[in-house]
Full PDB file with SEQRES, HELIX, SHEET, SSBOND, CRYST1, ORIGX, SCALE, CONECT and MASTER records, all heavy atoms in Angstrom:
SEQRES   1 A   33  PRO HIS LEU ASP TRP SER ARG PRO ASP GLN VAL PRO GLY          
SEQRES   2 A   33  TRP SER SER ASP PHE ASP LEU TRP ALA ALA ASP ALA LEU          
SEQRES   3 A   33  ALA ARG GLY ASP VAL ASP SER                                  
HELIX    1 AA1 GLY A   13  ALA A   27  1                                  15    
CRYST1    1.000    1.000    1.000  90.00  90.00  90.00 P 1           1          
ORIGX1      1.000000  0.000000  0.000000        0.00000                         
ORIGX2      0.000000  1.000000  0.000000        0.00000                         
ORIGX3      0.000000  0.000000  1.000000        0.00000                         
SCALE1      1.000000  0.000000  0.000000        0.00000                         
SCALE2      0.000000  1.000000  0.000000        0.00000                         
SCALE3      0.000000  0.000000  1.000000        0.00000                         
ATOM      1  N   PRO A   1     -73.077  30.174   3.527  1.00  0.00           N  
ATOM      2  CA  PRO A   1     -74.170  29.226   3.374  1.00  0.00           C  
ATOM      3  C   PRO A   1     -75.565  29.764   3.255  1.00  0.00           C  
ATOM      4  O   PRO A   1     -76.560  29.157   2.715  1.00  0.00           O  
ATOM      5  CB  PRO A   1     -74.032  28.255   4.393  1.00  0.00           C  
ATOM      6  CG  PRO A   1     -72.700  28.460   5.096  1.00  0.00           C  
ATOM      7  CD  PRO A   1     -72.441  29.981   4.864  1.00  0.00           C  
ATOM      8  N   HIS A   2     -75.750  30.990   3.799  1.00  0.00           N  
ATOM      9  CA  HIS A   2     -77.134  31.554   3.932  1.00  0.00           C  
ATOM     10  C   HIS A   2     -77.354  32.683   2.869  1.00  0.00           C  
ATOM     11  O   HIS A   2     -78.356  33.450   2.915  1.00  0.00           O  
ATOM     12  CB  HIS A   2     -77.180  32.056   5.237  1.00  0.00           C  
ATOM     13  CG  HIS A   2     -77.022  31.179   6.357  1.00  0.00           C  
ATOM     14  ND1 HIS A   2     -77.641  29.917   6.470  1.00  0.00           N  
ATOM     15  CD2 HIS A   2     -75.940  31.112   7.269  1.00  0.00           C  
ATOM     16  CE1 HIS A   2     -77.321  29.214   7.530  1.00  0.00           C  
ATOM     17  NE2 HIS A   2     -76.184  29.933   8.079  1.00  0.00           N  
ATOM     18  N   LEU A   3     -76.378  32.864   1.872  1.00  0.00           N  
ATOM     19  CA  LEU A   3     -76.661  33.915   0.907  1.00  0.00           C  
ATOM     20  C   LEU A   3     -77.638  33.400  -0.232  1.00  0.00           C  
ATOM     21  O   LEU A   3     -77.608  32.223  -0.555  1.00  0.00           O  
ATOM     22  CB  LEU A   3     -75.354  34.216   0.231  1.00  0.00           C  
ATOM     23  CG  LEU A   3     -74.322  35.093   1.094  1.00  0.00           C  
ATOM     24  CD1 LEU A   3     -73.028  35.230   0.431  1.00  0.00           C  
ATOM     25  CD2 LEU A   3     -74.866  36.324   1.480  1.00  0.00           C  
ATOM     26  N   ASP A   4     -78.362  34.237  -0.774  1.00  0.00           N  
ATOM     27  CA  ASP A   4     -79.091  34.009  -1.948  1.00  0.00           C  
ATOM     28  C   ASP A   4     -78.372  34.208  -3.218  1.00  0.00           C  
ATOM     29  O   ASP A   4     -78.291  35.480  -3.619  1.00  0.00           O  
ATOM     30  CB  ASP A   4     -80.437  34.711  -1.973  1.00  0.00           C  
ATOM     31  CG  ASP A   4     -81.350  34.477  -3.217  1.00  0.00           C  
ATOM     32  OD1 ASP A   4     -80.988  33.779  -4.083  1.00  0.00           O  
ATOM     33  OD2 ASP A   4     -82.558  34.992  -3.148  1.00  0.00           O  
ATOM     34  N   TRP A   5     -77.669  33.305  -3.804  1.00  0.00           N  
ATOM     35  CA  TRP A   5     -76.759  33.537  -4.807  1.00  0.00           C  
ATOM     36  C   TRP A   5     -77.462  33.955  -6.174  1.00  0.00           C  
ATOM     37  O   TRP A   5     -76.771  34.329  -7.128  1.00  0.00           O  
ATOM     38  CB  TRP A   5     -75.880  32.297  -5.013  1.00  0.00           C  
ATOM     39  CG  TRP A   5     -75.007  31.960  -3.913  1.00  0.00           C  
ATOM     40  CD1 TRP A   5     -75.210  31.077  -3.016  1.00  0.00           C  
ATOM     41  CD2 TRP A   5     -73.701  32.670  -3.747  1.00  0.00           C  
ATOM     42  NE1 TRP A   5     -74.158  31.118  -2.038  1.00  0.00           N  
ATOM     43  CE2 TRP A   5     -73.238  32.077  -2.556  1.00  0.00           C  
ATOM     44  CE3 TRP A   5     -73.075  33.704  -4.319  1.00  0.00           C  
ATOM     45  CZ2 TRP A   5     -72.043  32.465  -2.002  1.00  0.00           C  
ATOM     46  CZ3 TRP A   5     -71.822  33.988  -3.753  1.00  0.00           C  
ATOM     47  CH2 TRP A   5     -71.407  33.494  -2.543  1.00  0.00           C  
ATOM     48  N   SER A   6     -78.773  33.764  -6.245  1.00  0.00           N  
ATOM     49  CA  SER A   6     -79.519  34.284  -7.370  1.00  0.00           C  
ATOM     50  C   SER A   6     -79.752  35.777  -7.304  1.00  0.00           C  
ATOM     51  O   SER A   6     -80.056  36.428  -8.216  1.00  0.00           O  
ATOM     52  CB  SER A   6     -80.826  33.553  -7.424  1.00  0.00           C  
ATOM     53  OG  SER A   6     -81.677  34.005  -6.466  1.00  0.00           O  
ATOM     54  N   ARG A   7     -79.436  36.301  -6.127  1.00  0.00           N  
ATOM     55  CA  ARG A   7     -79.633  37.850  -5.901  1.00  0.00           C  
ATOM     56  C   ARG A   7     -78.374  38.398  -5.193  1.00  0.00           C  
ATOM     57  O   ARG A   7     -78.502  38.705  -3.958  1.00  0.00           O  
ATOM     58  CB  ARG A   7     -80.953  38.121  -5.092  1.00  0.00           C  
ATOM     59  CG  ARG A   7     -82.104  37.590  -5.761  1.00  0.00           C  
ATOM     60  CD  ARG A   7     -83.350  37.644  -4.808  1.00  0.00           C  
ATOM     61  NE  ARG A   7     -83.689  39.070  -4.494  1.00  0.00           N  
ATOM     62  CZ  ARG A   7     -84.642  39.534  -3.649  1.00  0.00           C  
ATOM     63  NH1 ARG A   7     -85.252  38.596  -2.901  1.00  0.00           N  
ATOM     64  NH2 ARG A   7     -84.791  40.710  -3.516  1.00  0.00           N  
ATOM     65  N   PRO A   8     -77.244  38.422  -5.867  1.00  0.00           N  
ATOM     66  CA  PRO A   8     -75.973  38.781  -5.157  1.00  0.00           C  
ATOM     67  C   PRO A   8     -75.912  40.144  -4.656  1.00  0.00           C  
ATOM     68  O   PRO A   8     -75.080  40.438  -3.790  1.00  0.00           O  
ATOM     69  CB  PRO A   8     -74.904  38.517  -6.277  1.00  0.00           C  
ATOM     70  CG  PRO A   8     -75.633  38.592  -7.524  1.00  0.00           C  
ATOM     71  CD  PRO A   8     -77.039  38.090  -7.313  1.00  0.00           C  
ATOM     72  N   ASP A   9     -76.778  41.075  -5.132  1.00  0.00           N  
ATOM     73  CA  ASP A   9     -76.819  42.420  -4.674  1.00  0.00           C  
ATOM     74  C   ASP A   9     -77.594  42.761  -3.410  1.00  0.00           C  
ATOM     75  O   ASP A   9     -77.571  43.814  -2.882  1.00  0.00           O  
ATOM     76  CB  ASP A   9     -77.138  43.370  -5.675  1.00  0.00           C  
ATOM     77  CG  ASP A   9     -76.172  43.416  -7.010  1.00  0.00           C  
ATOM     78  OD1 ASP A   9     -75.093  43.136  -6.780  1.00  0.00           O  
ATOM     79  OD2 ASP A   9     -76.687  43.680  -8.127  1.00  0.00           O  
ATOM     80  N   GLN A  10     -78.355  41.607  -3.027  1.00  0.00           N  
ATOM     81  CA  GLN A  10     -79.151  41.735  -1.883  1.00  0.00           C  
ATOM     82  C   GLN A  10     -78.286  41.679  -0.607  1.00  0.00           C  
ATOM     83  O   GLN A  10     -77.435  40.779  -0.410  1.00  0.00           O  
ATOM     84  CB  GLN A  10     -80.312  40.604  -1.893  1.00  0.00           C  
ATOM     85  CG  GLN A  10     -81.199  40.755  -0.708  1.00  0.00           C  
ATOM     86  CD  GLN A  10     -82.136  39.722  -0.688  1.00  0.00           C  
ATOM     87  OE1 GLN A  10     -81.884  38.492  -0.886  1.00  0.00           O  
ATOM     88  NE2 GLN A  10     -83.561  39.953  -0.527  1.00  0.00           N  
ATOM     89  N   VAL A  11     -78.591  42.544   0.376  1.00  0.00           N  
ATOM     90  CA  VAL A  11     -78.016  42.487   1.720  1.00  0.00           C  
ATOM     91  C   VAL A  11     -78.969  41.801   2.646  1.00  0.00           C  
ATOM     92  O   VAL A  11     -79.938  42.347   3.024  1.00  0.00           O  
ATOM     93  CB  VAL A  11     -77.529  43.818   2.219  1.00  0.00           C  
ATOM     94  CG1 VAL A  11     -76.879  43.759   3.551  1.00  0.00           C  
ATOM     95  CG2 VAL A  11     -76.583  44.498   1.228  1.00  0.00           C  
ATOM     96  N   PRO A  12     -78.637  40.544   3.147  1.00  0.00           N  
ATOM     97  CA  PRO A  12     -79.561  39.968   4.061  1.00  0.00           C  
ATOM     98  C   PRO A  12     -79.654  40.749   5.388  1.00  0.00           C  
ATOM     99  O   PRO A  12     -78.704  41.351   5.733  1.00  0.00           O  
ATOM    100  CB  PRO A  12     -78.873  38.514   4.239  1.00  0.00           C  
ATOM    101  CG  PRO A  12     -78.072  38.409   3.180  1.00  0.00           C  
ATOM    102  CD  PRO A  12     -77.510  39.738   2.757  1.00  0.00           C  
ATOM    103  N   GLY A  13     -80.846  40.569   5.940  1.00  0.00           N  
ATOM    104  CA  GLY A  13     -80.977  41.250   7.303  1.00  0.00           C  
ATOM    105  C   GLY A  13     -80.025  40.851   8.416  1.00  0.00           C  
ATOM    106  O   GLY A  13     -79.463  41.663   9.105  1.00  0.00           O  
ATOM    107  N   TRP A  14     -79.624  39.637   8.445  1.00  0.00           N  
ATOM    108  CA  TRP A  14     -78.690  39.113   9.316  1.00  0.00           C  
ATOM    109  C   TRP A  14     -77.223  39.724   9.105  1.00  0.00           C  
ATOM    110  O   TRP A  14     -76.562  39.922  10.153  1.00  0.00           O  
ATOM    111  CB  TRP A  14     -78.485  37.549   9.289  1.00  0.00           C  
ATOM    112  CG  TRP A  14     -78.306  36.890   8.038  1.00  0.00           C  
ATOM    113  CD1 TRP A  14     -79.395  36.286   7.252  1.00  0.00           C  
ATOM    114  CD2 TRP A  14     -77.174  36.756   7.325  1.00  0.00           C  
ATOM    115  NE1 TRP A  14     -78.720  35.670   6.125  1.00  0.00           N  
ATOM    116  CE2 TRP A  14     -77.434  36.089   6.070  1.00  0.00           C  
ATOM    117  CE3 TRP A  14     -75.837  37.178   7.594  1.00  0.00           C  
ATOM    118  CZ2 TRP A  14     -76.478  35.697   5.114  1.00  0.00           C  
ATOM    119  CZ3 TRP A  14     -74.857  36.898   6.601  1.00  0.00           C  
ATOM    120  CH2 TRP A  14     -75.092  36.216   5.390  1.00  0.00           C  
ATOM    121  N   SER A  15     -76.871  39.971   7.858  1.00  0.00           N  
ATOM    122  CA  SER A  15     -75.611  40.597   7.663  1.00  0.00           C  
ATOM    123  C   SER A  15     -75.586  42.143   7.948  1.00  0.00           C  
ATOM    124  O   SER A  15     -74.660  42.607   8.691  1.00  0.00           O  
ATOM    125  CB  SER A  15     -75.431  40.533   6.121  1.00  0.00           C  
ATOM    126  OG  SER A  15     -74.009  41.023   5.683  1.00  0.00           O  
ATOM    127  N   SER A  16     -76.631  42.866   7.669  1.00  0.00           N  
ATOM    128  CA  SER A  16     -76.575  44.329   8.016  1.00  0.00           C  
ATOM    129  C   SER A  16     -76.864  44.453   9.503  1.00  0.00           C  
ATOM    130  O   SER A  16     -76.229  45.441  10.054  1.00  0.00           O  
ATOM    131  CB  SER A  16     -77.769  44.974   7.252  1.00  0.00           C  
ATOM    132  OG  SER A  16     -79.090  44.407   7.497  1.00  0.00           O  
ATOM    133  N   ASP A  17     -77.729  43.553  10.175  1.00  0.00           N  
ATOM    134  CA  ASP A  17     -77.955  43.758  11.599  1.00  0.00           C  
ATOM    135  C   ASP A  17     -76.669  43.546  12.387  1.00  0.00           C  
ATOM    136  O   ASP A  17     -76.310  44.270  13.351  1.00  0.00           O  
ATOM    137  CB  ASP A  17     -78.967  42.770  12.069  1.00  0.00           C  
ATOM    138  CG  ASP A  17     -80.330  43.102  11.548  1.00  0.00           C  
ATOM    139  OD1 ASP A  17     -80.608  44.359  11.128  1.00  0.00           O  
ATOM    140  OD2 ASP A  17     -81.300  42.308  11.608  1.00  0.00           O  
ATOM    141  N   PHE A  18     -75.862  42.404  11.944  1.00  0.00           N  
ATOM    142  CA  PHE A  18     -74.651  42.196  12.716  1.00  0.00           C  
ATOM    143  C   PHE A  18     -73.648  43.409  12.483  1.00  0.00           C  
ATOM    144  O   PHE A  18     -72.931  43.761  13.381  1.00  0.00           O  
ATOM    145  CB  PHE A  18     -74.080  40.840  12.187  1.00  0.00           C  
ATOM    146  CG  PHE A  18     -72.722  40.419  12.940  1.00  0.00           C  
ATOM    147  CD1 PHE A  18     -72.926  39.538  14.050  1.00  0.00           C  
ATOM    148  CD2 PHE A  18     -71.623  40.977  12.661  1.00  0.00           C  
ATOM    149  CE1 PHE A  18     -71.771  39.161  14.696  1.00  0.00           C  
ATOM    150  CE2 PHE A  18     -70.441  40.525  13.331  1.00  0.00           C  
ATOM    151  CZ  PHE A  18     -70.561  39.636  14.383  1.00  0.00           C  
ATOM    152  N   ASP A  19     -73.551  43.758  11.260  1.00  0.00           N  
ATOM    153  CA  ASP A  19     -72.565  44.807  10.923  1.00  0.00           C  
ATOM    154  C   ASP A  19     -72.881  46.036  11.758  1.00  0.00           C  
ATOM    155  O   ASP A  19     -71.834  46.720  12.198  1.00  0.00           O  
ATOM    156  CB  ASP A  19     -72.701  45.115   9.397  1.00  0.00           C  
ATOM    157  CG  ASP A  19     -71.695  46.230   8.855  1.00  0.00           C  
ATOM    158  OD1 ASP A  19     -70.622  46.162   9.446  1.00  0.00           O  
ATOM    159  OD2 ASP A  19     -72.209  47.066   8.212  1.00  0.00           O  
ATOM    160  N   LEU A  20     -74.064  46.481  11.830  1.00  0.00           N  
ATOM    161  CA  LEU A  20     -74.502  47.768  12.469  1.00  0.00           C  
ATOM    162  C   LEU A  20     -74.336  47.623  13.963  1.00  0.00           C  
ATOM    163  O   LEU A  20     -73.848  48.581  14.661  1.00  0.00           O  
ATOM    164  CB  LEU A  20     -75.855  48.157  12.177  1.00  0.00           C  
ATOM    165  CG  LEU A  20     -76.165  48.529  10.731  1.00  0.00           C  
ATOM    166  CD1 LEU A  20     -77.664  48.710  10.460  1.00  0.00           C  
ATOM    167  CD2 LEU A  20     -75.397  49.949  10.380  1.00  0.00           C  
ATOM    168  N   TRP A  21     -74.525  46.402  14.448  1.00  0.00           N  
ATOM    169  CA  TRP A  21     -74.255  46.104  15.983  1.00  0.00           C  
ATOM    170  C   TRP A  21     -72.828  46.186  16.286  1.00  0.00           C  
ATOM    171  O   TRP A  21     -72.265  46.840  17.125  1.00  0.00           O  
ATOM    172  CB  TRP A  21     -74.847  44.745  16.229  1.00  0.00           C  
ATOM    173  CG  TRP A  21     -74.430  44.349  17.650  1.00  0.00           C  
ATOM    174  CD1 TRP A  21     -75.087  44.546  18.741  1.00  0.00           C  
ATOM    175  CD2 TRP A  21     -73.235  43.554  18.075  1.00  0.00           C  
ATOM    176  NE1 TRP A  21     -74.438  43.909  19.885  1.00  0.00           N  
ATOM    177  CE2 TRP A  21     -73.316  43.368  19.338  1.00  0.00           C  
ATOM    178  CE3 TRP A  21     -72.119  42.927  17.268  1.00  0.00           C  
ATOM    179  CZ2 TRP A  21     -72.353  42.697  20.203  1.00  0.00           C  
ATOM    180  CZ3 TRP A  21     -71.193  42.277  18.058  1.00  0.00           C  
ATOM    181  CH2 TRP A  21     -71.323  42.099  19.318  1.00  0.00           C  
ATOM    182  N   ALA A  22     -71.983  45.657  15.301  1.00  0.00           N  
ATOM    183  CA  ALA A  22     -70.552  45.623  15.525  1.00  0.00           C  
ATOM    184  C   ALA A  22     -69.961  47.051  15.551  1.00  0.00           C  
ATOM    185  O   ALA A  22     -69.017  47.438  16.212  1.00  0.00           O  
ATOM    186  CB  ALA A  22     -69.870  44.665  14.541  1.00  0.00           C  
ATOM    187  N   ALA A  23     -70.413  47.813  14.567  1.00  0.00           N  
ATOM    188  CA  ALA A  23     -70.077  49.187  14.296  1.00  0.00           C  
ATOM    189  C   ALA A  23     -70.446  50.023  15.611  1.00  0.00           C  
ATOM    190  O   ALA A  23     -69.539  50.828  15.962  1.00  0.00           O  
ATOM    191  CB  ALA A  23     -70.693  49.810  13.048  1.00  0.00           C  
ATOM    192  N   ASP A  24     -71.542  49.867  16.089  1.00  0.00           N  
ATOM    193  CA  ASP A  24     -71.968  50.534  17.335  1.00  0.00           C  
ATOM    194  C   ASP A  24     -71.054  50.181  18.501  1.00  0.00           C  
ATOM    195  O   ASP A  24     -70.546  50.983  19.307  1.00  0.00           O  
ATOM    196  CB  ASP A  24     -73.409  50.286  17.677  1.00  0.00           C  
ATOM    197  CG  ASP A  24     -73.883  50.973  18.857  1.00  0.00           C  
ATOM    198  OD1 ASP A  24     -73.852  52.200  18.923  1.00  0.00           O  
ATOM    199  OD2 ASP A  24     -74.231  50.284  19.911  1.00  0.00           O  
ATOM    200  N   ALA A  25     -70.913  48.828  18.716  1.00  0.00           N  
ATOM    201  CA  ALA A  25     -69.965  48.434  19.736  1.00  0.00           C  
ATOM    202  C   ALA A  25     -68.569  48.887  19.646  1.00  0.00           C  
ATOM    203  O   ALA A  25     -67.975  49.364  20.620  1.00  0.00           O  
ATOM    204  CB  ALA A  25     -70.093  46.817  19.820  1.00  0.00           C  
ATOM    205  N   LEU A  26     -68.048  48.916  18.474  1.00  0.00           N  
ATOM    206  CA  LEU A  26     -66.704  49.402  18.261  1.00  0.00           C  
ATOM    207  C   LEU A  26     -66.630  50.895  18.701  1.00  0.00           C  
ATOM    208  O   LEU A  26     -65.670  51.390  19.259  1.00  0.00           O  
ATOM    209  CB  LEU A  26     -66.267  49.134  16.858  1.00  0.00           C  
ATOM    210  CG  LEU A  26     -65.890  47.765  16.472  1.00  0.00           C  
ATOM    211  CD1 LEU A  26     -65.854  47.591  14.988  1.00  0.00           C  
ATOM    212  CD2 LEU A  26     -64.555  47.310  17.148  1.00  0.00           C  
ATOM    213  N   ALA A  27     -67.612  51.577  18.109  1.00  0.00           N  
ATOM    214  CA  ALA A  27     -67.705  53.101  18.404  1.00  0.00           C  
ATOM    215  C   ALA A  27     -67.736  53.407  19.952  1.00  0.00           C  
ATOM    216  O   ALA A  27     -67.196  54.390  20.316  1.00  0.00           O  
ATOM    217  CB  ALA A  27     -68.753  53.771  17.652  1.00  0.00           C  
ATOM    218  N   ARG A  28     -68.382  52.471  20.625  1.00  0.00           N  
ATOM    219  CA  ARG A  28     -68.568  52.712  22.093  1.00  0.00           C  
ATOM    220  C   ARG A  28     -67.438  52.053  22.836  1.00  0.00           C  
ATOM    221  O   ARG A  28     -67.345  52.217  24.142  1.00  0.00           O  
ATOM    222  CB  ARG A  28     -69.809  52.162  22.567  1.00  0.00           C  
ATOM    223  CG  ARG A  28     -71.114  52.933  22.094  1.00  0.00           C  
ATOM    224  CD  ARG A  28     -72.389  52.421  22.794  1.00  0.00           C  
ATOM    225  NE  ARG A  28     -72.688  51.135  22.163  1.00  0.00           N  
ATOM    226  CZ  ARG A  28     -72.528  49.879  22.872  1.00  0.00           C  
ATOM    227  NH1 ARG A  28     -72.012  49.890  24.094  1.00  0.00           N  
ATOM    228  NH2 ARG A  28     -73.010  48.655  22.287  1.00  0.00           N  
ATOM    229  N   GLY A  29     -66.548  51.423  22.122  1.00  0.00           N  
ATOM    230  CA  GLY A  29     -65.298  50.672  22.810  1.00  0.00           C  
ATOM    231  C   GLY A  29     -65.805  49.669  23.799  1.00  0.00           C  
ATOM    232  O   GLY A  29     -65.293  49.391  24.769  1.00  0.00           O  
ATOM    233  N   ASP A  30     -66.901  48.997  23.345  1.00  0.00           N  
ATOM    234  CA  ASP A  30     -67.498  48.006  24.251  1.00  0.00           C  
ATOM    235  C   ASP A  30     -66.963  46.607  23.949  1.00  0.00           C  
ATOM    236  O   ASP A  30     -67.571  45.764  23.217  1.00  0.00           O  
ATOM    237  CB  ASP A  30     -69.029  47.929  23.970  1.00  0.00           C  
ATOM    238  CG  ASP A  30     -69.800  47.031  25.053  1.00  0.00           C  
ATOM    239  OD1 ASP A  30     -69.045  46.338  25.741  1.00  0.00           O  
ATOM    240  OD2 ASP A  30     -71.045  47.200  25.130  1.00  0.00           O  
ATOM    241  N   VAL A  31     -65.694  46.384  24.529  1.00  0.00           N  
ATOM    242  CA  VAL A  31     -65.005  45.145  24.150  1.00  0.00           C  
ATOM    243  C   VAL A  31     -65.691  43.917  24.726  1.00  0.00           C  
ATOM    244  O   VAL A  31     -65.690  42.781  24.194  1.00  0.00           O  
ATOM    245  CB  VAL A  31     -63.541  45.329  24.701  1.00  0.00           C  
ATOM    246  CG1 VAL A  31     -62.810  43.919  24.388  1.00  0.00           C  
ATOM    247  CG2 VAL A  31     -62.807  46.391  23.986  1.00  0.00           C  
ATOM    248  N   ASP A  32     -66.321  44.188  25.973  1.00  0.00           N  
ATOM    249  CA  ASP A  32     -67.172  43.047  26.545  1.00  0.00           C  
ATOM    250  C   ASP A  32     -68.222  42.518  25.608  1.00  0.00           C  
ATOM    251  O   ASP A  32     -68.417  41.183  25.475  1.00  0.00           O  
ATOM    252  CB  ASP A  32     -67.667  43.425  27.975  1.00  0.00           C  
ATOM    253  CG  ASP A  32     -66.599  43.707  28.929  1.00  0.00           C  
ATOM    254  OD1 ASP A  32     -65.474  43.081  28.782  1.00  0.00           O  
ATOM    255  OD2 ASP A  32     -66.830  44.389  29.867  1.00  0.00           O  
ATOM    256  N   SER A  33     -68.937  43.458  25.098  1.00  0.00           N  
ATOM    257  CA  SER A  33     -70.081  43.043  24.164  1.00  0.00           C  
ATOM    258  C   SER A  33     -69.536  42.411  22.905  1.00  0.00           C  
ATOM    259  O   SER A  33     -70.009  41.354  22.569  1.00  0.00           O  
ATOM    260  CB  SER A  33     -71.022  44.186  23.764  1.00  0.00           C  
ATOM    261  OG  SER A  33     -71.652  44.724  24.876  1.00  0.00           O  
TER     262      SER A  33                                                      
MASTER        0    0    0    1    0    0    0    6  261    1    0    3          
END                                                                             
């Protein structure tokens, strides 16, 4: 619901921020976070 469909190649900040956070937590094995 929060994508800008007029700019499908744009990566919203909320998407990249969440992805990088999840990647870091996975790399650290931080299941609690």
